[in-house]
Amino acid sequence: MRKTTVSTIIGFVRNNVRILLVLLVMMGATSLNAQYSNSAISRGSEQARGGDTLKIKDTITGPLDMAEVTVTAKKYPLQTKVGPYNQPLWSTMRMFPSTRVYVMNPPGSVMYEKWFDIRDRRDGGPTQIRMRDEFTFGLGKRLQLDLYSHTVYDGENGNKTFSWRGFSWEIRYALADWGKIWGNPTIYYEMKMLDGRWGIEPKLLLGDRIGNKGIWGLNFIYEGNLADTKVDRKPEYASTASYGHIVNNDLTLGVSGMYRHNDYGGGSNEVYLGPLIQYRFNGHAYLTVETMPGFTQSSKASRSTIIFAWRF
C-alpha cells in the first residue's frame, strides 16, 4: 500500500515539476512581504495607520473607499475582527480542508487555491490524486462565489493518466454578520459537471471560536447526481467536524473527522479521523495539510488533502 502511494506521488511530481517549482518560488518570495495585508481586509484601521499592533478587541472595518493599509510592524492576531461582516481574521482563510466556515472573502477580495486530494484505496489499487484550481470572490452582502476546475491523476497497472474531470461553481450566503447568530450559519450550494454528469452539493456551514486560541467548524452535507433514479443519483449524506488550536499567528494545529453514508448499492458508511496543520507564510499565502485514515471497510485507506492558497 505505502509503495503504491509513494510511487504514485513520485510519478505525479515528475509530470508536474514545473508547477511545483513555481509554487515553491512563490512561497519563498512572499515570506518577505507584510503580514495579513490584503487590501479588502486591512483598509480602514486608524491604529494600523500609526503602525500599532491591533489587540483582539480591535476591529478593521474595511470600507472599500478608504486607502489601503499595509502593516509592517507586527501581524494581526487571528481573532482580530476584519471587514464589514465583523468576522475574525481566521475565518477569511481555509483553516480546515474538510470543513468550511462562513464566507472567506470580504467584498472585493479574490483568492486562489490549489488542491491536492489524495485518496489511498483500501484494496491496494493505485492511489488517486484529485486536483482542483479554485478562484474565490467576495461579492458583498455576505455572498461569496467560487469557481473550480477539476483534474485527476489516476490509472490501473502503472498506466497513470492526467485528465480533466470538469468544472463546478459554488455560492455561499451567510445569514448574518459574524456573532449575530450562534454558529454563524452559512448556506452553501455547489453545482458540478464532473465526468459527464451534472450534480449538486448543498451544505450547512457552522463555526466559531472557543476561547482565545480554539476554533471549530461543523458541516452537514448532501451530494448526488441530477438523475431520476437513486442508482443514477448516487446520493451521499455526510457530516464533517474540525477543531483547531491557534499556536501563533503563523501556525495552527488541529484535528478533523468525517462521516459519509453512501445511500445506494446496498449502502455503506465511511469514517475518517486525523490531524491537520496550517502554516501561514504571510498575508498572501498559506499551506494547509490534513490527513485522515479510514476506519471502516467501506472507507478509503486514507484521505489526505494539501491546499496552497494565495490571496491577491
C-alpha atoms as a PDB file:
ATOM      1  CA  MET A   1       0.000   0.000   0.000  1.00  0.00           C
ATOM      2  CA  ARG A   2       2.712   2.506   1.004  1.00  0.00           C
ATOM      3  CA  LYS A   3       4.885   1.577  -2.002  1.00  0.00           C
ATOM      4  CA  THR A   4       1.903   2.202  -4.293  1.00  0.00           C
ATOM      5  CA  THR A   5       1.248   5.597  -2.706  1.00  0.00           C
ATOM      6  CA  VAL A   6       4.887   6.664  -2.866  1.00  0.00           C
ATOM      7  CA  SER A   7       5.320   5.596  -6.499  1.00  0.00           C
ATOM      8  CA  THR A   8       2.123   7.406  -7.470  1.00  0.00           C
ATOM      9  CA  ILE A   9       3.216  10.642  -5.817  1.00  0.00           C
ATOM     10  CA  ILE A  10       6.706  10.375  -7.369  1.00  0.00           C
ATOM     11  CA  GLY A  11       5.137   9.915 -10.792  1.00  0.00           C
ATOM     12  CA  PHE A  12       2.877  12.887 -10.258  1.00  0.00           C
ATOM     13  CA  VAL A  13       5.790  15.102  -9.162  1.00  0.00           C
ATOM     14  CA  ARG A  14       7.797  14.143 -12.251  1.00  0.00           C
ATOM     15  CA  ASN A  15       4.920  15.138 -14.506  1.00  0.00           C
ATOM     16  CA  ASN A  16       4.246  18.413 -12.679  1.00  0.00           C
ATOM     17  CA  VAL A  17       7.721  19.515 -11.617  1.00  0.00           C
ATOM     18  CA  ARG A  18       7.368  22.931 -13.262  1.00  0.00           C
ATOM     19  CA  ILE A  19       4.166  23.732 -11.389  1.00  0.00           C
ATOM     20  CA  LEU A  20       5.677  22.651  -8.066  1.00  0.00           C
ATOM     21  CA  LEU A  21       8.811  24.752  -8.643  1.00  0.00           C
ATOM     22  CA  VAL A  22       6.673  27.810  -9.366  1.00  0.00           C
ATOM     23  CA  LEU A  23       4.745  27.266  -6.112  1.00  0.00           C
ATOM     24  CA  LEU A  24       7.977  26.961  -4.115  1.00  0.00           C
ATOM     25  CA  VAL A  25       9.360  30.177  -5.626  1.00  0.00           C
ATOM     26  CA  MET A  26       6.097  31.993  -4.859  1.00  0.00           C
ATOM     27  CA  MET A  27       6.103  30.783  -1.251  1.00  0.00           C
ATOM     28  CA  GLY A  28       9.693  31.837  -0.708  1.00  0.00           C
ATOM     29  CA  ALA A  29       9.194  35.246  -2.271  1.00  0.00           C
ATOM     30  CA  THR A  30       6.056  36.091  -0.342  1.00  0.00           C
ATOM     31  CA  SER A  31       7.722  35.443   3.018  1.00  0.00           C
ATOM     32  CA  LEU A  32       9.414  38.860   2.637  1.00  0.00           C
ATOM     33  CA  ASN A  33       6.115  40.747   2.432  1.00  0.00           C
ATOM     34  CA  ALA A  34       3.949  42.281   5.159  1.00  0.00           C
ATOM     35  CA  GLN A  35       1.661  40.116   7.273  1.00  0.00           C
ATOM     36  CA  TYR A  36      -2.095  39.984   6.661  1.00  0.00           C
ATOM     37  CA  SER A  37      -2.154  42.997   4.366  1.00  0.00           C
ATOM     38  CA  ASN A  38      -4.854  42.074   1.849  1.00  0.00           C
ATOM     39  CA  SER A  39      -6.405  45.349   0.726  1.00  0.00           C
ATOM     40  CA  ALA A  40     -10.030  44.353   1.309  1.00  0.00           C
ATOM     41  CA  ILE A  41      -9.186  43.188   4.846  1.00  0.00           C
ATOM     42  CA  SER A  42      -6.677  45.754   6.042  1.00  0.00           C
ATOM     43  CA  ARG A  43      -8.329  49.006   4.948  1.00  0.00           C
ATOM     44  CA  GLY A  44      -9.855  51.352   7.457  1.00  0.00           C
ATOM     45  CA  SER A  45      -7.827  50.891  10.667  1.00  0.00           C
ATOM     46  CA  GLU A  46      -6.573  54.055  12.309  1.00  0.00           C
ATOM     47  CA  GLN A  47      -4.357  52.009  14.618  1.00  0.00           C
ATOM     48  CA  ALA A  48      -2.720  50.329  11.649  1.00  0.00           C
ATOM     49  CA  ARG A  49      -2.082  53.709  10.031  1.00  0.00           C
ATOM     50  CA  GLY A  50       0.067  54.554  13.049  1.00  0.00           C
ATOM     51  CA  GLY A  51       1.925  51.233  12.874  1.00  0.00           C
ATOM     52  CA  ASP A  52       0.439  49.924  16.120  1.00  0.00           C
ATOM     53  CA  THR A  53      -0.304  46.255  16.717  1.00  0.00           C
ATOM     54  CA  LEU A  54      -4.037  45.573  16.951  1.00  0.00           C
ATOM     55  CA  LYS A  55      -5.476  43.910  20.031  1.00  0.00           C
ATOM     56  CA  ILE A  56      -8.099  41.181  19.810  1.00  0.00           C
ATOM     57  CA  LYS A  57     -10.868  43.636  20.644  1.00  0.00           C
ATOM     58  CA  ASP A  58      -9.881  45.977  17.802  1.00  0.00           C
ATOM     59  CA  THR A  59     -11.799  45.938  14.540  1.00  0.00           C
ATOM     60  CA  ILE A  60     -10.744  46.618  10.947  1.00  0.00           C
ATOM     61  CA  THR A  61     -13.932  47.786   9.294  1.00  0.00           C
ATOM     62  CA  GLY A  62     -12.700  47.597   5.708  1.00  0.00           C
ATOM     63  CA  PRO A  63     -14.738  50.196   3.743  1.00  0.00           C
ATOM     64  CA  LEU A  64     -13.746  49.939   0.121  1.00  0.00           C
ATOM     65  CA  ASP A  65     -13.431  53.712  -0.367  1.00  0.00           C
ATOM     66  CA  MET A  66     -10.563  54.104   2.134  1.00  0.00           C
ATOM     67  CA  ALA A  67      -6.863  53.940   1.386  1.00  0.00           C
ATOM     68  CA  GLU A  68      -5.047  50.627   1.635  1.00  0.00           C
ATOM     69  CA  VAL A  69      -3.161  49.998   4.850  1.00  0.00           C
ATOM     70  CA  THR A  70      -0.140  47.703   4.888  1.00  0.00           C
ATOM     71  CA  VAL A  71       1.008  46.614   8.337  1.00  0.00           C
ATOM     72  CA  THR A  72       4.723  46.001   8.548  1.00  0.00           C
ATOM     73  CA  ALA A  73       5.280  46.148  12.331  1.00  0.00           C
ATOM     74  CA  LYS A  74       3.533  43.056  13.663  1.00  0.00           C
ATOM     75  CA  LYS A  75       0.903  40.627  12.482  1.00  0.00           C
ATOM     76  CA  TYR A  76      -2.737  40.952  13.367  1.00  0.00           C
ATOM     77  CA  PRO A  77      -3.933  38.384  15.922  1.00  0.00           C
ATOM     78  CA  LEU A  78      -6.089  35.813  14.140  1.00  0.00           C
ATOM     79  CA  GLN A  79      -9.069  36.683  16.353  1.00  0.00           C
ATOM     80  CA  THR A  80      -8.960  40.304  15.151  1.00  0.00           C
ATOM     81  CA  LYS A  81     -12.304  41.324  13.624  1.00  0.00           C
ATOM     82  CA  VAL A  82     -11.974  42.388   9.981  1.00  0.00           C
ATOM     83  CA  GLY A  83     -14.149  43.612   7.132  1.00  0.00           C
ATOM     84  CA  PRO A  84     -17.773  44.776   7.002  1.00  0.00           C
ATOM     85  CA  TYR A  85     -19.118  41.472   8.395  1.00  0.00           C
ATOM     86  CA  ASN A  86     -17.054  41.924  11.603  1.00  0.00           C
ATOM     87  CA  GLN A  87     -15.623  38.406  11.162  1.00  0.00           C
ATOM     88  CA  PRO A  88     -12.390  37.141  12.770  1.00  0.00           C
ATOM     89  CA  LEU A  89      -9.328  37.106  10.561  1.00  0.00           C
ATOM     90  CA  TRP A  90      -9.004  33.303  10.769  1.00  0.00           C
ATOM     91  CA  SER A  91     -12.396  32.887   9.079  1.00  0.00           C
ATOM     92  CA  THR A  92     -11.010  34.552   5.914  1.00  0.00           C
ATOM     93  CA  MET A  93      -8.695  31.519   5.433  1.00  0.00           C
ATOM     94  CA  ARG A  94      -9.441  27.853   4.830  1.00  0.00           C
ATOM     95  CA  MET A  95      -8.335  26.604   8.237  1.00  0.00           C
ATOM     96  CA  PHE A  96      -9.850  23.124   7.731  1.00  0.00           C
ATOM     97  CA  PRO A  97      -9.715  21.342   4.333  1.00  0.00           C
ATOM     98  CA  SER A  98     -12.698  19.109   5.174  1.00  0.00           C
ATOM     99  CA  THR A  99     -14.853  21.682   6.971  1.00  0.00           C
ATOM    100  CA  ARG A 100     -15.899  25.085   5.668  1.00  0.00           C
ATOM    101  CA  VAL A 101     -16.758  28.063   7.850  1.00  0.00           C
ATOM    102  CA  TYR A 102     -18.700  31.266   6.976  1.00  0.00           C
ATOM    103  CA  VAL A 103     -17.611  33.296   3.908  1.00  0.00           C
ATOM    104  CA  MET A 104     -13.856  33.658   3.418  1.00  0.00           C
ATOM    105  CA  ASN A 105     -13.874  36.688   1.134  1.00  0.00           C
ATOM    106  CA  PRO A 106     -14.799  40.201   2.264  1.00  0.00           C
ATOM    107  CA  PRO A 107     -16.264  42.344  -0.550  1.00  0.00           C
ATOM    108  CA  GLY A 108     -13.871  42.945  -3.411  1.00  0.00           C
ATOM    109  CA  SER A 109     -11.265  40.359  -2.384  1.00  0.00           C
ATOM    110  CA  VAL A 110     -10.041  37.463  -4.544  1.00  0.00           C
ATOM    111  CA  MET A 111      -8.184  34.292  -3.576  1.00  0.00           C
ATOM    112  CA  TYR A 112      -6.692  31.350  -5.490  1.00  0.00           C
ATOM    113  CA  GLU A 113      -6.337  27.820  -4.090  1.00  0.00           C
ATOM    114  CA  LYS A 114      -4.614  24.734  -5.489  1.00  0.00           C
ATOM    115  CA  TRP A 115      -5.983  21.484  -4.039  1.00  0.00           C
ATOM    116  CA  PHE A 116      -4.410  18.022  -3.976  1.00  0.00           C
ATOM    117  CA  ASP A 117      -6.972  15.467  -2.728  1.00  0.00           C
ATOM    118  CA  ILE A 118      -5.045  12.197  -2.285  1.00  0.00           C
ATOM    119  CA  ARG A 119      -7.187   9.065  -1.887  1.00  0.00           C
ATOM    120  CA  ASP A 120      -5.415   5.847  -0.954  1.00  0.00           C
ATOM    121  CA  ARG A 121      -7.578   2.858  -1.912  1.00  0.00           C
ATOM    122  CA  ARG A 122      -8.068   0.160   0.709  1.00  0.00           C
ATOM    123  CA  ASP A 123      -7.921  -2.732  -1.782  1.00  0.00           C
ATOM    124  CA  GLY A 124      -4.337  -1.958  -2.748  1.00  0.00           C
ATOM    125  CA  GLY A 125      -5.278  -0.265  -6.005  1.00  0.00           C
ATOM    126  CA  PRO A 126      -3.429   2.798  -7.279  1.00  0.00           C
ATOM    127  CA  THR A 127      -3.644   5.974  -5.254  1.00  0.00           C
ATOM    128  CA  GLN A 128      -5.850   8.587  -6.894  1.00  0.00           C
ATOM    129  CA  ILE A 129      -4.928  12.289  -6.778  1.00  0.00           C
ATOM    130  CA  ARG A 130      -7.803  14.671  -7.457  1.00  0.00           C
ATOM    131  CA  MET A 131      -6.767  18.262  -8.123  1.00  0.00           C
ATOM    132  CA  ARG A 132      -8.718  21.497  -8.124  1.00  0.00           C
ATOM    133  CA  ASP A 133      -7.868  25.010  -9.181  1.00  0.00           C
ATOM    134  CA  GLU A 134     -10.209  27.370  -7.376  1.00  0.00           C
ATOM    135  CA  PHE A 135     -10.820  31.121  -7.512  1.00  0.00           C
ATOM    136  CA  THR A 136     -12.964  32.687  -4.785  1.00  0.00           C
ATOM    137  CA  PHE A 137     -14.592  36.126  -4.997  1.00  0.00           C
ATOM    138  CA  GLY A 138     -16.143  38.310  -2.308  1.00  0.00           C
ATOM    139  CA  LEU A 139     -19.381  39.694  -3.772  1.00  0.00           C
ATOM    140  CA  GLY A 140     -20.604  41.729  -0.804  1.00  0.00           C
ATOM    141  CA  LYS A 141     -23.850  41.342   1.143  1.00  0.00           C
ATOM    142  CA  ARG A 142     -22.312  38.242   2.815  1.00  0.00           C
ATOM    143  CA  LEU A 143     -22.072  36.428  -0.537  1.00  0.00           C
ATOM    144  CA  GLN A 144     -19.104  34.500  -1.938  1.00  0.00           C
ATOM    145  CA  LEU A 145     -18.638  32.932  -5.372  1.00  0.00           C
ATOM    146  CA  ASP A 146     -16.167  30.093  -6.064  1.00  0.00           C
ATOM    147  CA  LEU A 147     -15.196  28.749  -9.495  1.00  0.00           C
ATOM    148  CA  TYR A 148     -13.431  25.366  -9.821  1.00  0.00           C
ATOM    149  CA  SER A 149     -11.603  23.403 -12.496  1.00  0.00           C
ATOM    150  CA  HIS A 150     -11.183  19.681 -11.672  1.00  0.00           C
ATOM    151  CA  THR A 151      -8.417  17.344 -12.864  1.00  0.00           C
ATOM    152  CA  VAL A 152      -7.323  13.865 -11.771  1.00  0.00           C
ATOM    153  CA  TYR A 153      -4.179  11.725 -11.810  1.00  0.00           C
ATOM    154  CA  ASP A 154      -5.154   8.044 -11.776  1.00  0.00           C
ATOM    155  CA  GLY A 155      -4.869   4.725 -13.595  1.00  0.00           C
ATOM    156  CA  GLU A 156      -4.522   0.953 -13.300  1.00  0.00           C
ATOM    157  CA  ASN A 157      -1.422  -1.280 -13.687  1.00  0.00           C
ATOM    158  CA  GLY A 158       1.017   1.607 -13.572  1.00  0.00           C
ATOM    159  CA  ASN A 159      -0.604   3.360 -16.553  1.00  0.00           C
ATOM    160  CA  LYS A 160      -1.204   6.671 -14.807  1.00  0.00           C
ATOM    161  CA  THR A 161      -3.002   9.419 -16.689  1.00  0.00           C
ATOM    162  CA  PHE A 162      -3.633  13.090 -16.048  1.00  0.00           C
ATOM    163  CA  SER A 163      -7.071  14.188 -17.250  1.00  0.00           C
ATOM    164  CA  TRP A 164      -9.636  16.951 -16.861  1.00  0.00           C
ATOM    165  CA  ARG A 165     -12.802  15.906 -14.993  1.00  0.00           C
ATOM    166  CA  GLY A 166     -14.919  19.025 -15.409  1.00  0.00           C
ATOM    167  CA  PHE A 167     -15.898  22.210 -13.604  1.00  0.00           C
ATOM    168  CA  SER A 168     -18.109  23.455 -10.812  1.00  0.00           C
ATOM    169  CA  TRP A 169     -19.273  26.653  -9.178  1.00  0.00           C
ATOM    170  CA  GLU A 170     -20.269  27.406  -5.605  1.00  0.00           C
ATOM    171  CA  ILE A 171     -22.194  30.181  -3.896  1.00  0.00           C
ATOM    172  CA  ARG A 172     -22.179  30.887  -0.163  1.00  0.00           C
ATOM    173  CA  TYR A 173     -24.516  33.123   1.779  1.00  0.00           C
ATOM    174  CA  ALA A 174     -24.005  33.931   5.469  1.00  0.00           C
ATOM    175  CA  LEU A 175     -27.331  34.525   7.216  1.00  0.00           C
ATOM    176  CA  ALA A 176     -25.988  37.371   9.371  1.00  0.00           C
ATOM    177  CA  ASP A 177     -22.865  39.265  10.302  1.00  0.00           C
ATOM    178  CA  TRP A 178     -20.448  37.300  12.455  1.00  0.00           C
ATOM    179  CA  GLY A 179     -21.592  36.739  16.023  1.00  0.00           C
ATOM    180  CA  LYS A 180     -25.236  37.694  15.466  1.00  0.00           C
ATOM    181  CA  ILE A 181     -26.470  34.068  15.307  1.00  0.00           C
ATOM    182  CA  TRP A 182     -24.990  31.085  17.169  1.00  0.00           C
ATOM    183  CA  GLY A 183     -22.620  29.135  14.950  1.00  0.00           C
ATOM    184  CA  ASN A 184     -22.656  31.823  12.221  1.00  0.00           C
ATOM    185  CA  PRO A 185     -24.809  29.665   9.895  1.00  0.00           C
ATOM    186  CA  THR A 186     -23.961  29.878   6.213  1.00  0.00           C
ATOM    187  CA  ILE A 187     -25.794  28.295   3.253  1.00  0.00           C
ATOM    188  CA  TYR A 188     -23.548  26.628   0.668  1.00  0.00           C
ATOM    189  CA  TYR A 189     -24.674  25.404  -2.759  1.00  0.00           C
ATOM    190  CA  GLU A 190     -22.395  23.818  -5.367  1.00  0.00           C
ATOM    191  CA  MET A 191     -23.306  22.846  -8.929  1.00  0.00           C
ATOM    192  CA  LYS A 192     -20.992  20.372 -10.702  1.00  0.00           C
ATOM    193  CA  MET A 193     -20.315  18.963 -14.137  1.00  0.00           C
ATOM    194  CA  LEU A 194     -17.900  16.103 -13.412  1.00  0.00           C
ATOM    195  CA  ASP A 195     -17.142  13.027 -15.510  1.00  0.00           C
ATOM    196  CA  GLY A 196     -20.006  13.880 -17.847  1.00  0.00           C
ATOM    197  CA  ARG A 197     -22.686  14.115 -15.112  1.00  0.00           C
ATOM    198  CA  TRP A 198     -24.400  17.103 -13.520  1.00  0.00           C
ATOM    199  CA  GLY A 199     -24.572  17.039  -9.742  1.00  0.00           C
ATOM    200  CA  ILE A 200     -25.299  19.178  -6.701  1.00  0.00           C
ATOM    201  CA  GLU A 201     -23.761  19.540  -3.240  1.00  0.00           C
ATOM    202  CA  PRO A 202     -25.691  21.715  -0.753  1.00  0.00           C
ATOM    203  CA  LYS A 203     -24.281  22.223   2.758  1.00  0.00           C
ATOM    204  CA  LEU A 204     -24.978  23.952   6.047  1.00  0.00           C
ATOM    205  CA  LEU A 205     -21.818  25.535   7.454  1.00  0.00           C
ATOM    206  CA  LEU A 206     -21.315  26.336  11.144  1.00  0.00           C
ATOM    207  CA  GLY A 207     -18.275  27.614  13.026  1.00  0.00           C
ATOM    208  CA  ASP A 208     -16.975  29.857  15.785  1.00  0.00           C
ATOM    209  CA  ARG A 209     -14.258  30.276  18.416  1.00  0.00           C
ATOM    210  CA  ILE A 210     -13.617  28.525  21.723  1.00  0.00           C
ATOM    211  CA  GLY A 211     -11.718  30.890  23.994  1.00  0.00           C
ATOM    212  CA  ASN A 212      -8.824  32.883  22.556  1.00  0.00           C
ATOM    213  CA  LYS A 213      -6.994  30.008  20.862  1.00  0.00           C
ATOM    214  CA  GLY A 214      -9.630  27.468  19.834  1.00  0.00           C
ATOM    215  CA  ILE A 215     -11.706  27.471  16.621  1.00  0.00           C
ATOM    216  CA  TRP A 216     -14.204  24.934  15.295  1.00  0.00           C
ATOM    217  CA  GLY A 217     -16.320  24.106  12.264  1.00  0.00           C
ATOM    218  CA  LEU A 218     -19.201  21.734  11.548  1.00  0.00           C
ATOM    219  CA  ASN A 219     -20.796  20.897   8.164  1.00  0.00           C
ATOM    220  CA  PHE A 220     -23.903  18.934   7.138  1.00  0.00           C
ATOM    221  CA  ILE A 221     -23.753  17.781   3.509  1.00  0.00           C
ATOM    222  CA  TYR A 222     -25.794  16.184   0.732  1.00  0.00           C
ATOM    223  CA  GLU A 223     -24.134  15.168  -2.536  1.00  0.00           C
ATOM    224  CA  GLY A 224     -25.603  13.489  -5.602  1.00  0.00           C
ATOM    225  CA  ASN A 225     -26.075  13.491  -9.362  1.00  0.00           C
ATOM    226  CA  LEU A 226     -29.103  15.015 -11.053  1.00  0.00           C
ATOM    227  CA  ALA A 227     -30.994  11.912 -12.205  1.00  0.00           C
ATOM    228  CA  ASP A 228     -34.375  10.171 -11.956  1.00  0.00           C
ATOM    229  CA  THR A 229     -33.321   7.007 -10.132  1.00  0.00           C
ATOM    230  CA  LYS A 230     -31.373   6.511  -6.911  1.00  0.00           C
ATOM    231  CA  VAL A 231     -28.892   4.276  -8.713  1.00  0.00           C
ATOM    232  CA  ASP A 232     -28.021   7.138 -11.046  1.00  0.00           C
ATOM    233  CA  ARG A 233     -28.229   9.849  -8.383  1.00  0.00           C
ATOM    234  CA  LYS A 234     -25.794   8.018  -6.074  1.00  0.00           C
ATOM    235  CA  PRO A 235     -26.878  10.099  -3.056  1.00  0.00           C
ATOM    236  CA  GLU A 236     -24.429  10.626  -0.219  1.00  0.00           C
ATOM    237  CA  TYR A 237     -25.110  12.153   3.195  1.00  0.00           C
ATOM    238  CA  ALA A 238     -22.144  13.407   5.181  1.00  0.00           C
ATOM    239  CA  SER A 239     -21.006  15.499   8.098  1.00  0.00           C
ATOM    240  CA  THR A 240     -17.580  16.870   8.937  1.00  0.00           C
ATOM    241  CA  ALA A 241     -16.219  18.441  12.111  1.00  0.00           C
ATOM    242  CA  SER A 242     -12.898  20.163  12.747  1.00  0.00           C
ATOM    243  CA  TYR A 243     -11.130  21.784  15.667  1.00  0.00           C
ATOM    244  CA  GLY A 244      -8.039  23.961  15.504  1.00  0.00           C
ATOM    245  CA  HIS A 245      -5.708  25.396  18.122  1.00  0.00           C
ATOM    246  CA  ILE A 246      -4.019  28.651  17.106  1.00  0.00           C
ATOM    247  CA  VAL A 247      -0.434  28.174  18.281  1.00  0.00           C
ATOM    248  CA  ASN A 248       0.630  31.602  16.995  1.00  0.00           C
ATOM    249  CA  ASN A 249      -0.061  33.883  14.027  1.00  0.00           C
ATOM    250  CA  ASP A 250       1.830  31.500  11.722  1.00  0.00           C
ATOM    251  CA  LEU A 251       0.813  28.043  12.910  1.00  0.00           C
ATOM    252  CA  THR A 252      -2.456  26.252  13.668  1.00  0.00           C
ATOM    253  CA  LEU A 253      -2.717  22.584  14.664  1.00  0.00           C
ATOM    254  CA  GLY A 254      -5.940  20.606  14.810  1.00  0.00           C
ATOM    255  CA  VAL A 255      -7.979  17.526  14.037  1.00  0.00           C
ATOM    256  CA  SER A 256     -10.759  16.719  11.554  1.00  0.00           C
ATOM    257  CA  GLY A 257     -13.343  13.963  11.297  1.00  0.00           C
ATOM    258  CA  MET A 258     -15.720  12.895   8.546  1.00  0.00           C
ATOM    259  CA  TYR A 259     -18.716  10.570   8.345  1.00  0.00           C
ATOM    260  CA  ARG A 260     -20.241   9.612   4.969  1.00  0.00           C
ATOM    261  CA  HIS A 261     -23.259   7.420   4.260  1.00  0.00           C
ATOM    262  CA  ASN A 262     -23.485   6.240   0.639  1.00  0.00           C
ATOM    263  CA  ASP A 263     -27.189   5.620   0.137  1.00  0.00           C
ATOM    264  CA  TYR A 264     -27.010   3.425  -2.975  1.00  0.00           C
ATOM    265  CA  GLY A 265     -25.857  -0.061  -3.957  1.00  0.00           C
ATOM    266  CA  GLY A 266     -26.919  -1.524  -0.626  1.00  0.00           C
ATOM    267  CA  GLY A 267     -25.498   1.396   1.364  1.00  0.00           C
ATOM    268  CA  SER A 268     -22.127   1.836   3.042  1.00  0.00           C
ATOM    269  CA  ASN A 269     -20.573   4.002   5.732  1.00  0.00           C
ATOM    270  CA  GLU A 270     -17.202   5.726   5.754  1.00  0.00           C
ATOM    271  CA  VAL A 271     -15.499   7.149   8.854  1.00  0.00           C
ATOM    272  CA  TYR A 272     -12.297   9.204   8.886  1.00  0.00           C
ATOM    273  CA  LEU A 273     -10.329  10.980  11.616  1.00  0.00           C
ATOM    274  CA  GLY A 274      -6.912  12.598  11.570  1.00  0.00           C
ATOM    275  CA  PRO A 275      -4.671  15.615  12.207  1.00  0.00           C
ATOM    276  CA  LEU A 276      -4.309  18.875  10.305  1.00  0.00           C
ATOM    277  CA  ILE A 277      -1.769  21.680  10.206  1.00  0.00           C
ATOM    278  CA  GLN A 278      -1.780  25.132   8.641  1.00  0.00           C
ATOM    279  CA  TYR A 279       1.249  27.366   8.176  1.00  0.00           C
ATOM    280  CA  ARG A 280       0.800  30.969   7.082  1.00  0.00           C
ATOM    281  CA  PHE A 281       3.736  32.446   5.207  1.00  0.00           C
ATOM    282  CA  ASN A 282       2.289  35.978   5.289  1.00  0.00           C
ATOM    283  CA  GLY A 283      -0.898  37.855   4.458  1.00  0.00           C
ATOM    284  CA  HIS A 284      -0.952  36.437   0.939  1.00  0.00           C
ATOM    285  CA  ALA A 285      -0.007  32.758   1.171  1.00  0.00           C
ATOM    286  CA  TYR A 286      -0.637  29.770   3.395  1.00  0.00           C
ATOM    287  CA  LEU A 287      -0.376  25.988   3.218  1.00  0.00           C
ATOM    288  CA  THR A 288      -2.861  23.601   4.848  1.00  0.00           C
ATOM    289  CA  VAL A 289      -2.346  19.827   5.159  1.00  0.00           C
ATOM    290  CA  GLU A 290      -4.844  17.308   6.514  1.00  0.00           C
ATOM    291  CA  THR A 291      -4.583  13.507   6.592  1.00  0.00           C
ATOM    292  CA  MET A 292      -7.393  11.231   7.768  1.00  0.00           C
ATOM    293  CA  PRO A 293      -7.075   7.421   7.910  1.00  0.00           C
ATOM    294  CA  GLY A 294     -10.269   5.456   7.227  1.00  0.00           C
ATOM    295  CA  PHE A 295     -11.783   3.320   9.987  1.00  0.00           C
ATOM    296  CA  THR A 296     -14.353   1.142   8.181  1.00  0.00           C
ATOM    297  CA  GLN A 297     -14.060  -1.425   5.392  1.00  0.00           C
ATOM    298  CA  SER A 298     -16.016   0.897   3.097  1.00  0.00           C
ATOM    299  CA  SER A 299     -13.644   3.784   3.806  1.00  0.00           C
ATOM    300  CA  LYS A 300     -10.618   4.631   1.739  1.00  0.00           C
ATOM    301  CA  ALA A 301      -7.395   3.586   3.463  1.00  0.00           C
ATOM    302  CA  SER A 302      -6.816   7.315   3.895  1.00  0.00           C
ATOM    303  CA  ARG A 303      -7.851  10.707   2.552  1.00  0.00           C
ATOM    304  CA  SER A 304      -5.206  13.418   2.576  1.00  0.00           C
ATOM    305  CA  THR A 305      -5.592  16.998   1.389  1.00  0.00           C
ATOM    306  CA  ILE A 306      -2.938  19.613   0.606  1.00  0.00           C
ATOM    307  CA  ILE A 307      -4.034  23.195  -0.148  1.00  0.00           C
ATOM    308  CA  PHE A 308      -1.829  26.069  -1.235  1.00  0.00           C
ATOM    309  CA  ALA A 309      -3.639  29.422  -1.129  1.00  0.00           C
ATOM    310  CA  TRP A 310      -2.761  32.863  -2.438  1.00  0.00           C
ATOM    311  CA  ARG A 311      -4.790  35.976  -1.622  1.00  0.00           C
ATOM    312  CA  PHE A 312      -4.447  38.735  -4.198  1.00  0.00           C
END
